[in-house]
Amino acid sequence: MTSDLRELFPNTKGLDDKSISALLQAVKRHYKEGQFDYLKFKQSVINLAKMDMDVALAYKSAFMTASTVGLTKESLLKSAKGYQYAVQNERESFAESLLAQKKLKIEGKKEEVFNLSKKIEEHKLKIKELEREIAIFQSRIDNVDQDVESARQRIEKVKENFLNVYNVLDKDIKNDIDLINTYL
């Protein structure tokens, strides 16, 4: 297997590096050393294509070579689907993490606003002795809306970047599966 999986998925160039790295780490974790699987097959096809071989011939040549070490169309498709499943699992983990971040960074801030508002009302009853504290809490509330919006924008950008990389990888794998089914 190539040391840099990005070479196997060139359509990820220019996309978010953190998302690419996370998804390709999931692919790497799924890889079983010593097996001729989808990744090695894909690498072979890419290497053949670099020699100006057309796609159909590259797929057939790579498959014929790989079949000498026991690769079957079924095992190749099973392997490709396994990587697709690994990428999908990473997407699900990302979604769970994203929800936790939203809860922590957005809902937590909203709860903070609610609690500070309650304190302000309690302190207004003691206006003379607590006026200074009320001003501090009010100032914090005024700034929380900006913090919430900023956190929401950052989280949405991370989500967008991740999904862009996911969609490219998923499409790439699906395309390879279609090509395998077409040419093999």
C-alpha atoms as a PDB file:
ATOM      1  CA  MET A   1       0.000   0.000   0.000  1.00  0.00           C
ATOM      2  CA  THR A   2       1.189   3.493  -0.767  1.00  0.00           C
ATOM      3  CA  SER A   3       2.507   5.405   2.207  1.00  0.00           C
ATOM      4  CA  ASP A   4       0.287   8.395   1.387  1.00  0.00           C
ATOM      5  CA  LEU A   5      -3.315   7.391   0.810  1.00  0.00           C
ATOM      6  CA  ARG A   6      -3.971  10.822  -0.687  1.00  0.00           C
ATOM      7  CA  GLU A   7      -2.298   9.538  -3.857  1.00  0.00           C
ATOM      8  CA  LEU A   8      -5.080   6.954  -4.148  1.00  0.00           C
ATOM      9  CA  PHE A   9      -7.768   9.603  -3.806  1.00  0.00           C
ATOM     10  CA  PRO A  10      -6.508  12.539  -5.876  1.00  0.00           C
ATOM     11  CA  ASN A  11      -9.954  14.164  -5.944  1.00  0.00           C
ATOM     12  CA  THR A  12      -9.398  15.214  -2.316  1.00  0.00           C
ATOM     13  CA  LYS A  13      -6.704  17.726  -3.348  1.00  0.00           C
ATOM     14  CA  GLY A  14      -7.617  21.201  -2.131  1.00  0.00           C
ATOM     15  CA  LEU A  15     -10.178  19.948   0.392  1.00  0.00           C
ATOM     16  CA  ASP A  16      -9.949  20.347   4.166  1.00  0.00           C
ATOM     17  CA  ASP A  17      -6.743  18.687   5.425  1.00  0.00           C
ATOM     18  CA  LYS A  18      -8.164  17.723   8.840  1.00  0.00           C
ATOM     19  CA  SER A  19     -11.182  16.045   7.282  1.00  0.00           C
ATOM     20  CA  ILE A  20      -9.043  14.271   4.680  1.00  0.00           C
ATOM     21  CA  SER A  21      -6.705  13.086   7.408  1.00  0.00           C
ATOM     22  CA  ALA A  22      -9.529  11.817   9.632  1.00  0.00           C
ATOM     23  CA  LEU A  23     -11.234   9.907   6.845  1.00  0.00           C
ATOM     24  CA  LEU A  24      -8.012   8.455   5.439  1.00  0.00           C
ATOM     25  CA  GLN A  25      -6.985   7.361   8.945  1.00  0.00           C
ATOM     26  CA  ALA A  26     -10.242   5.378   9.058  1.00  0.00           C
ATOM     27  CA  VAL A  27      -9.287   3.811   5.733  1.00  0.00           C
ATOM     28  CA  LYS A  28      -5.781   3.073   7.024  1.00  0.00           C
ATOM     29  CA  ARG A  29      -7.149   1.456  10.214  1.00  0.00           C
ATOM     30  CA  HIS A  30      -9.297  -0.840   8.061  1.00  0.00           C
ATOM     31  CA  TYR A  31      -6.288  -1.947   5.973  1.00  0.00           C
ATOM     32  CA  LYS A  32      -4.969  -5.420   6.733  1.00  0.00           C
ATOM     33  CA  GLU A  33      -1.247  -5.746   6.051  1.00  0.00           C
ATOM     34  CA  GLY A  34      -0.244  -8.394   3.561  1.00  0.00           C
ATOM     35  CA  GLN A  35      -3.574  -8.671   1.768  1.00  0.00           C
ATOM     36  CA  PHE A  36      -4.127  -7.740  -1.843  1.00  0.00           C
ATOM     37  CA  ASP A  37      -7.310  -5.766  -1.451  1.00  0.00           C
ATOM     38  CA  TYR A  38      -9.129  -2.764  -2.884  1.00  0.00           C
ATOM     39  CA  LEU A  39      -6.381  -0.288  -1.939  1.00  0.00           C
ATOM     40  CA  LYS A  40      -3.625  -2.307  -3.574  1.00  0.00           C
ATOM     41  CA  PHE A  41      -5.864  -2.877  -6.574  1.00  0.00           C
ATOM     42  CA  LYS A  42      -6.637   0.845  -6.818  1.00  0.00           C
ATOM     43  CA  GLN A  43      -2.931   1.623  -6.569  1.00  0.00           C
ATOM     44  CA  SER A  44      -2.227  -0.831  -9.387  1.00  0.00           C
ATOM     45  CA  VAL A  45      -4.912   0.731 -11.576  1.00  0.00           C
ATOM     46  CA  ILE A  46      -3.474   4.214 -10.929  1.00  0.00           C
ATOM     47  CA  ASN A  47       0.039   3.026 -11.760  1.00  0.00           C
ATOM     48  CA  LEU A  48      -1.182   1.453 -15.005  1.00  0.00           C
ATOM     49  CA  ALA A  49      -3.141   4.591 -15.903  1.00  0.00           C
ATOM     50  CA  LYS A  50       0.060   6.613 -15.465  1.00  0.00           C
ATOM     51  CA  MET A  51       1.427   4.587 -18.376  1.00  0.00           C
ATOM     52  CA  ASP A  52      -1.326   6.053 -20.611  1.00  0.00           C
ATOM     53  CA  MET A  53      -3.393   2.878 -20.421  1.00  0.00           C
ATOM     54  CA  ASP A  54      -7.139   3.427 -20.818  1.00  0.00           C
ATOM     55  CA  VAL A  55      -9.342   2.835 -17.782  1.00  0.00           C
ATOM     56  CA  ALA A  56     -10.884  -0.433 -18.930  1.00  0.00           C
ATOM     57  CA  LEU A  57      -7.534  -1.962 -19.784  1.00  0.00           C
ATOM     58  CA  ALA A  58      -5.973  -0.680 -16.540  1.00  0.00           C
ATOM     59  CA  TYR A  59      -8.755  -2.317 -14.505  1.00  0.00           C
ATOM     60  CA  LYS A  60      -8.550  -5.580 -16.422  1.00  0.00           C
ATOM     61  CA  SER A  61      -4.737  -5.720 -16.267  1.00  0.00           C
ATOM     62  CA  ALA A  62      -4.641  -4.921 -12.557  1.00  0.00           C
ATOM     63  CA  PHE A  63      -7.288  -7.547 -11.903  1.00  0.00           C
ATOM     64  CA  MET A  64      -5.588 -10.219 -13.972  1.00  0.00           C
ATOM     65  CA  THR A  65      -2.330  -9.638 -12.088  1.00  0.00           C
ATOM     66  CA  ALA A  66      -4.088  -9.607  -8.716  1.00  0.00           C
ATOM     67  CA  SER A  67      -6.046 -12.744  -9.521  1.00  0.00           C
ATOM     68  CA  THR A  68      -2.744 -14.639  -9.558  1.00  0.00           C
ATOM     69  CA  VAL A  69      -2.490 -14.016  -5.800  1.00  0.00           C
ATOM     70  CA  GLY A  70      -6.080 -15.119  -5.200  1.00  0.00           C
ATOM     71  CA  LEU A  71      -8.055 -11.896  -5.667  1.00  0.00           C
ATOM     72  CA  THR A  72     -11.576 -12.462  -6.949  1.00  0.00           C
ATOM     73  CA  LYS A  73     -14.105  -9.915  -8.100  1.00  0.00           C
ATOM     74  CA  GLU A  74     -16.186 -10.774  -5.026  1.00  0.00           C
ATOM     75  CA  SER A  75     -13.280 -10.318  -2.611  1.00  0.00           C
ATOM     76  CA  LEU A  76     -12.339  -7.054  -4.344  1.00  0.00           C
ATOM     77  CA  LEU A  77     -15.885  -5.700  -4.066  1.00  0.00           C
ATOM     78  CA  LYS A  78     -16.132  -6.894  -0.458  1.00  0.00           C
ATOM     79  CA  SER A  79     -12.868  -5.109   0.318  1.00  0.00           C
ATOM     80  CA  ALA A  80     -13.994  -1.871  -1.389  1.00  0.00           C
ATOM     81  CA  LYS A  81     -17.293  -1.982   0.488  1.00  0.00           C
ATOM     82  CA  GLY A  82     -15.357  -2.551   3.712  1.00  0.00           C
ATOM     83  CA  TYR A  83     -13.434   0.672   3.128  1.00  0.00           C
ATOM     84  CA  GLN A  84     -16.656   2.441   2.260  1.00  0.00           C
ATOM     85  CA  TYR A  85     -18.120   1.146   5.531  1.00  0.00           C
ATOM     86  CA  ALA A  86     -15.023   2.380   7.422  1.00  0.00           C
ATOM     87  CA  VAL A  87     -15.467   5.857   5.897  1.00  0.00           C
ATOM     88  CA  GLN A  88     -19.180   5.795   6.734  1.00  0.00           C
ATOM     89  CA  ASN A  89     -18.394   4.795  10.338  1.00  0.00           C
ATOM     90  CA  GLU A  90     -15.980   7.719  10.583  1.00  0.00           C
ATOM     91  CA  ARG A  91     -18.742   9.990   9.287  1.00  0.00           C
ATOM     92  CA  GLU A  92     -21.062   8.708  12.015  1.00  0.00           C
ATOM     93  CA  SER A  93     -18.383   9.245  14.664  1.00  0.00           C
ATOM     94  CA  PHE A  94     -17.845  12.735  13.311  1.00  0.00           C
ATOM     95  CA  ALA A  95     -21.590  13.447  13.500  1.00  0.00           C
ATOM     96  CA  GLU A  96     -21.657  12.332  17.141  1.00  0.00           C
ATOM     97  CA  SER A  97     -18.640  14.474  17.941  1.00  0.00           C
ATOM     98  CA  LEU A  98     -20.194  17.410  16.118  1.00  0.00           C
ATOM     99  CA  LEU A  99     -23.375  17.091  18.176  1.00  0.00           C
ATOM    100  CA  ALA A 100     -21.335  17.023  21.373  1.00  0.00           C
ATOM    101  CA  GLN A 101     -19.440  20.149  20.289  1.00  0.00           C
ATOM    102  CA  LYS A 102     -22.686  21.912  19.426  1.00  0.00           C
ATOM    103  CA  LYS A 103     -24.104  21.008  22.807  1.00  0.00           C
ATOM    104  CA  LEU A 104     -20.968  22.135  24.598  1.00  0.00           C
ATOM    105  CA  LYS A 105     -20.252  25.305  22.657  1.00  0.00           C
ATOM    106  CA  ILE A 106     -23.737  26.487  21.685  1.00  0.00           C
ATOM    107  CA  GLU A 107     -26.275  25.017  24.088  1.00  0.00           C
ATOM    108  CA  GLY A 108     -23.860  25.530  26.970  1.00  0.00           C
ATOM    109  CA  LYS A 109     -23.594  29.214  26.088  1.00  0.00           C
ATOM    110  CA  LYS A 110     -27.378  29.527  25.860  1.00  0.00           C
ATOM    111  CA  GLU A 111     -27.683  27.915  29.284  1.00  0.00           C
ATOM    112  CA  GLU A 112     -25.062  30.332  30.559  1.00  0.00           C
ATOM    113  CA  VAL A 113     -27.158  33.253  29.283  1.00  0.00           C
ATOM    114  CA  PHE A 114     -30.244  31.863  31.007  1.00  0.00           C
ATOM    115  CA  ASN A 115     -28.433  31.396  34.326  1.00  0.00           C
ATOM    116  CA  LEU A 116     -26.854  34.836  34.194  1.00  0.00           C
ATOM    117  CA  SER A 117     -30.217  36.414  33.465  1.00  0.00           C
ATOM    118  CA  LYS A 118     -31.641  34.762  36.587  1.00  0.00           C
ATOM    119  CA  LYS A 119     -28.769  36.101  38.660  1.00  0.00           C
ATOM    120  CA  ILE A 120     -29.347  39.589  37.306  1.00  0.00           C
ATOM    121  CA  GLU A 121     -32.978  39.478  38.414  1.00  0.00           C
ATOM    122  CA  GLU A 122     -31.987  38.248  41.876  1.00  0.00           C
ATOM    123  CA  HIS A 123     -29.381  40.974  42.200  1.00  0.00           C
ATOM    124  CA  LYS A 124     -31.711  43.741  41.085  1.00  0.00           C
ATOM    125  CA  LEU A 125     -33.521  43.216  44.372  1.00  0.00           C
ATOM    126  CA  LYS A 126     -30.321  44.353  46.091  1.00  0.00           C
ATOM    127  CA  ILE A 127     -29.638  47.242  43.692  1.00  0.00           C
ATOM    128  CA  LYS A 128     -27.528  49.384  45.961  1.00  0.00           C
ATOM    129  CA  GLU A 129     -25.054  46.722  47.031  1.00  0.00           C
ATOM    130  CA  LEU A 130     -25.005  44.672  43.823  1.00  0.00           C
ATOM    131  CA  GLU A 131     -25.039  47.262  40.983  1.00  0.00           C
ATOM    132  CA  ARG A 132     -21.442  46.496  40.056  1.00  0.00           C
ATOM    133  CA  GLU A 133     -22.118  42.740  39.693  1.00  0.00           C
ATOM    134  CA  ILE A 134     -25.213  43.360  37.576  1.00  0.00           C
ATOM    135  CA  ALA A 135     -23.176  45.400  35.101  1.00  0.00           C
ATOM    136  CA  ILE A 136     -20.583  42.577  34.816  1.00  0.00           C
ATOM    137  CA  PHE A 137     -23.237  39.898  34.189  1.00  0.00           C
ATOM    138  CA  GLN A 138     -25.063  42.100  31.665  1.00  0.00           C
ATOM    139  CA  SER A 139     -21.823  42.666  29.805  1.00  0.00           C
ATOM    140  CA  ARG A 140     -21.233  38.913  29.617  1.00  0.00           C
ATOM    141  CA  ILE A 141     -24.746  38.314  28.253  1.00  0.00           C
ATOM    142  CA  ASP A 142     -24.216  40.967  25.588  1.00  0.00           C
ATOM    143  CA  ASN A 143     -21.065  39.174  24.397  1.00  0.00           C
ATOM    144  CA  VAL A 144     -22.439  35.610  24.495  1.00  0.00           C
ATOM    145  CA  ASP A 145     -24.527  36.059  21.323  1.00  0.00           C
ATOM    146  CA  GLN A 146     -21.349  36.820  19.403  1.00  0.00           C
ATOM    147  CA  ASP A 147     -19.602  33.821  20.982  1.00  0.00           C
ATOM    148  CA  VAL A 148     -22.519  31.543  20.082  1.00  0.00           C
ATOM    149  CA  GLU A 149     -22.594  32.752  16.467  1.00  0.00           C
ATOM    150  CA  SER A 150     -18.830  32.444  16.143  1.00  0.00           C
ATOM    151  CA  ALA A 151     -18.857  28.894  17.562  1.00  0.00           C
ATOM    152  CA  ARG A 152     -21.779  27.947  15.309  1.00  0.00           C
ATOM    153  CA  GLN A 153     -19.969  29.260  12.230  1.00  0.00           C
ATOM    154  CA  ARG A 154     -16.760  27.396  13.116  1.00  0.00           C
ATOM    155  CA  ILE A 155     -18.643  24.152  13.711  1.00  0.00           C
ATOM    156  CA  GLU A 156     -20.608  24.522  10.478  1.00  0.00           C
ATOM    157  CA  LYS A 157     -17.370  25.147   8.542  1.00  0.00           C
ATOM    158  CA  VAL A 158     -15.780  22.006  10.045  1.00  0.00           C
ATOM    159  CA  LYS A 159     -18.944  20.076   9.164  1.00  0.00           C
ATOM    160  CA  GLU A 160     -18.937  21.437   5.601  1.00  0.00           C
ATOM    161  CA  ASN A 161     -15.237  20.628   5.138  1.00  0.00           C
ATOM    162  CA  PHE A 162     -15.668  17.104   6.490  1.00  0.00           C
ATOM    163  CA  LEU A 163     -18.746  16.374   4.373  1.00  0.00           C
ATOM    164  CA  ASN A 164     -16.981  17.681   1.246  1.00  0.00           C
ATOM    165  CA  VAL A 165     -14.146  15.213   1.798  1.00  0.00           C
ATOM    166  CA  TYR A 166     -16.573  12.426   2.734  1.00  0.00           C
ATOM    167  CA  ASN A 167     -18.649  12.994  -0.413  1.00  0.00           C
ATOM    168  CA  VAL A 168     -15.562  12.936  -2.633  1.00  0.00           C
ATOM    169  CA  LEU A 169     -14.240   9.723  -1.040  1.00  0.00           C
ATOM    170  CA  ASP A 170     -17.649   8.051  -1.085  1.00  0.00           C
ATOM    171  CA  LYS A 171     -18.205   9.029  -4.734  1.00  0.00           C
ATOM    172  CA  ASP A 172     -14.689   7.864  -5.642  1.00  0.00           C
ATOM    173  CA  ILE A 173     -15.211   4.469  -4.002  1.00  0.00           C
ATOM    174  CA  LYS A 174     -18.691   4.093  -5.542  1.00  0.00           C
ATOM    175  CA  ASN A 175     -17.232   4.965  -8.940  1.00  0.00           C
ATOM    176  CA  ASP A 176     -14.501   2.369  -8.462  1.00  0.00           C
ATOM    177  CA  ILE A 177     -17.118  -0.217  -7.473  1.00  0.00           C
ATOM    178  CA  ASP A 178     -19.092   0.627 -10.608  1.00  0.00           C
ATOM    179  CA  LEU A 179     -15.937   0.348 -12.721  1.00  0.00           C
ATOM    180  CA  ILE A 180     -15.057  -2.978 -11.086  1.00  0.00           C
ATOM    181  CA  ASN A 181     -18.566  -4.252 -11.818  1.00  0.00           C
ATOM    182  CA  THR A 182     -18.379  -2.888 -15.383  1.00  0.00           C
ATOM    183  CA  TYR A 183     -14.944  -4.122 -16.341  1.00  0.00           C
ATOM    184  CA  LEU A 184     -14.487  -7.249 -14.300  1.00  0.00           C
END
